[in-house]
Amino acid sequence: MRRRFSQLIAERGYVAEVVSEWEWRLNPLGNPVGSITTHPGVWRNIRREIAADSRQWHEPFWSGLLLSQTTTVFAVITLAGLLTYRILVPIAVQTIWAPAVAPVPSFISVLVNKRRAPMIVATATKPPQHLIIVIIQKPKVCQGKDLKFWAIP
């Protein structure tokens, strides 16, 4: 990493300028600090912590959750029940309490060609405001032109 950064400083002048600016700012901060000799036990503890962290890295992600088999089974059953409820209840409510009636269109618009054959059919419905456009036959549009459909309530 240090070799690569030294190479960047040598190749790119703006990197060298930024590094020298930061050295000029940060070097005075190190002047009042003297050298400190650490106890060998400190380095031993650091190495031990790093080794412990590297061992934990290879453990499965679920090992730290402390879930028992009973809790896992309960969670899976609860999730399955909630999904079943979420999927089946709206279907049952819709079929029991609300008859399946298609909404009546509030307007219908038909674009026909020269032979009076329908090309595009557009319908709109009210209360659930839906606009449905069905292209039966693709209209010919000149190059550079757009086909616009306006629906104003």
Protein backbone atom coordinates (compact mmCIF):
# COMPACT_ATOMS: atom_id res chain seq x y z
CA MET A 1 0.00 0.00 0.00
CA ARG A 2 2.81 2.38 0.91
CA ARG A 3 4.66 1.51 -2.30
CA ARG A 4 1.56 2.18 -4.39
CA PHE A 5 0.95 5.52 -2.67
CA SER A 6 4.59 6.54 -3.19
CA GLN A 7 4.18 5.70 -6.86
CA LEU A 8 1.03 7.89 -7.04
CA ILE A 9 2.94 10.78 -5.46
CA ALA A 10 5.73 10.38 -8.01
CA GLU A 11 3.37 10.12 -11.01
CA ARG A 12 0.77 12.74 -10.16
CA GLY A 13 1.86 16.18 -9.08
CA TYR A 14 -1.45 17.16 -7.49
CA VAL A 15 -1.23 14.17 -5.10
CA ALA A 16 2.26 15.34 -4.03
CA GLU A 17 0.89 18.84 -3.41
CA VAL A 18 -1.98 17.56 -1.25
CA VAL A 19 0.36 15.31 0.75
CA SER A 20 2.81 18.14 1.40
CA GLU A 21 -0.02 20.43 2.53
CA TRP A 22 -1.23 17.83 5.03
CA GLU A 23 2.30 17.15 6.24
CA TRP A 24 2.75 20.89 6.81
CA ARG A 25 -0.51 20.97 8.83
CA LEU A 26 -0.09 17.77 10.83
CA ASN A 27 3.67 17.60 11.56
CA PRO A 28 3.55 20.30 14.26
CA LEU A 29 1.04 18.18 16.18
CA GLY A 30 3.69 15.51 16.75
CA ASN A 31 6.38 17.87 18.10
CA PRO A 32 5.31 18.03 21.77
CA VAL A 33 4.84 14.25 22.00
CA GLY A 34 7.85 12.29 23.20
CA SER A 35 8.53 8.66 22.49
CA ILE A 36 6.61 6.21 24.61
CA THR A 37 7.69 2.67 25.34
CA THR A 38 4.78 0.30 25.70
CA HIS A 39 4.76 -2.70 27.95
CA PRO A 40 5.21 -6.01 26.04
CA GLY A 41 1.95 -7.28 27.54
CA VAL A 42 0.05 -4.61 25.62
CA TRP A 43 1.26 -5.97 22.26
CA ARG A 44 0.53 -9.53 23.41
CA ASN A 45 -3.07 -8.53 24.27
CA ILE A 46 -3.49 -6.79 20.92
CA ARG A 47 -2.29 -9.87 19.03
CA ARG A 48 -4.62 -12.08 21.08
CA GLU A 49 -7.63 -9.82 20.32
CA ILE A 50 -6.82 -9.78 16.61
CA ALA A 51 -6.56 -13.57 16.58
CA ALA A 52 -9.89 -13.88 18.43
CA ASP A 53 -11.57 -11.55 15.92
CA SER A 54 -10.23 -13.57 12.98
CA ARG A 55 -11.61 -16.79 14.50
CA GLN A 56 -15.05 -15.23 14.97
CA TRP A 57 -15.04 -14.11 11.34
CA HIS A 58 -15.26 -17.73 10.14
CA GLU A 59 -18.16 -18.74 12.38
CA PRO A 60 -21.63 -18.96 10.80
CA PHE A 61 -23.67 -15.77 11.05
CA TRP A 62 -26.44 -17.47 13.05
CA SER A 63 -24.12 -18.68 15.80
CA GLY A 64 -24.38 -15.37 17.66
CA LEU A 65 -28.19 -15.29 17.63
CA LEU A 66 -28.59 -17.84 20.46
CA LEU A 67 -31.80 -19.24 19.04
CA SER A 68 -32.99 -22.58 20.25
CA GLN A 69 -34.69 -25.06 17.95
CA THR A 70 -38.03 -24.45 19.66
CA THR A 71 -37.82 -20.70 19.08
CA THR A 72 -36.89 -21.23 15.44
CA VAL A 73 -39.79 -23.65 14.85
CA PHE A 74 -42.20 -21.23 16.55
CA ALA A 75 -40.96 -18.34 14.39
CA VAL A 76 -41.33 -20.37 11.16
CA ILE A 77 -44.87 -21.50 12.07
CA THR A 78 -45.86 -17.94 12.98
CA LEU A 79 -44.47 -16.60 9.71
CA ALA A 80 -46.27 -19.28 7.70
CA GLY A 81 -49.52 -18.46 9.51
CA LEU A 82 -49.16 -14.74 8.87
CA LEU A 83 -48.41 -15.28 5.18
CA THR A 84 -51.40 -17.63 4.83
CA TYR A 85 -53.64 -15.11 6.58
CA ARG A 86 -52.31 -12.25 4.45
CA ILE A 87 -52.91 -14.16 1.20
CA LEU A 88 -56.18 -16.03 1.88
CA VAL A 89 -58.22 -13.57 3.95
CA PRO A 90 -58.46 -10.80 1.32
CA ILE A 91 -59.57 -13.41 -1.24
CA ALA A 92 -62.20 -14.80 1.13
CA VAL A 93 -63.45 -11.34 2.09
CA GLN A 94 -63.70 -10.31 -1.55
CA THR A 95 -65.63 -13.45 -2.59
CA ILE A 96 -67.95 -13.53 0.44
CA TRP A 97 -68.84 -9.88 1.04
CA ALA A 98 -68.29 -8.20 -2.31
CA PRO A 99 -69.72 -9.67 -5.47
CA ALA A 100 -67.32 -9.67 -8.39
CA VAL A 101 -68.75 -6.91 -10.57
CA ALA A 102 -66.67 -5.24 -13.23
CA PRO A 103 -66.69 -1.45 -12.91
CA VAL A 104 -68.81 0.32 -15.49
CA PRO A 105 -66.77 2.51 -17.82
CA SER A 106 -67.52 6.21 -17.55
CA PHE A 107 -66.38 6.78 -21.12
CA ILE A 108 -65.24 4.76 -24.11
CA SER A 109 -63.18 6.18 -26.96
CA VAL A 110 -62.42 4.32 -30.19
CA LEU A 111 -59.88 5.46 -32.80
CA VAL A 112 -60.72 4.00 -36.21
CA ASN A 113 -58.75 3.84 -39.47
CA LYS A 114 -59.91 4.88 -42.95
CA ARG A 115 -61.81 1.60 -43.34
CA ARG A 116 -63.62 2.32 -40.05
CA ALA A 117 -61.92 -0.61 -38.32
CA PRO A 118 -61.02 0.01 -34.68
CA MET A 119 -57.31 0.68 -34.04
CA ILE A 120 -57.20 1.88 -30.43
CA VAL A 121 -59.87 1.51 -27.73
CA ALA A 122 -59.65 3.53 -24.53
CA THR A 123 -61.97 3.13 -21.54
CA ALA A 124 -62.01 4.88 -18.20
CA THR A 125 -63.83 3.88 -15.03
CA LYS A 126 -64.94 5.82 -11.97
CA PRO A 127 -64.67 5.31 -8.56
CA PRO A 128 -61.48 3.39 -9.05
CA GLN A 129 -60.06 5.73 -11.65
CA HIS A 130 -58.49 3.43 -14.20
CA LEU A 131 -57.61 4.28 -17.78
CA ILE A 132 -57.29 1.23 -20.01
CA ILE A 133 -55.85 1.61 -23.52
CA VAL A 134 -55.94 -1.38 -25.87
CA ILE A 135 -54.03 -1.15 -29.15
CA ILE A 136 -55.75 -3.42 -31.66
CA GLN A 137 -53.84 -2.31 -34.73
CA LYS A 138 -50.65 -0.25 -34.53
CA PRO A 139 -51.25 3.14 -36.16
CA LYS A 140 -48.79 4.41 -38.74
CA VAL A 141 -46.99 7.46 -37.39
CA CYS A 142 -44.65 9.55 -39.53
CA GLN A 143 -41.00 9.53 -38.52
CA GLY A 144 -40.22 12.26 -35.99
CA LYS A 145 -43.88 12.51 -34.93
CA ASP A 146 -45.56 11.18 -31.79
CA LEU A 147 -48.98 9.72 -31.23
CA LYS A 148 -50.59 11.53 -28.31
CA PHE A 149 -53.64 10.41 -26.39
CA TRP A 150 -55.38 13.02 -24.23
CA ALA A 151 -57.83 12.03 -21.52
CA ILE A 152 -59.35 15.00 -19.72
CA PRO A 153 -61.87 14.24 -16.94
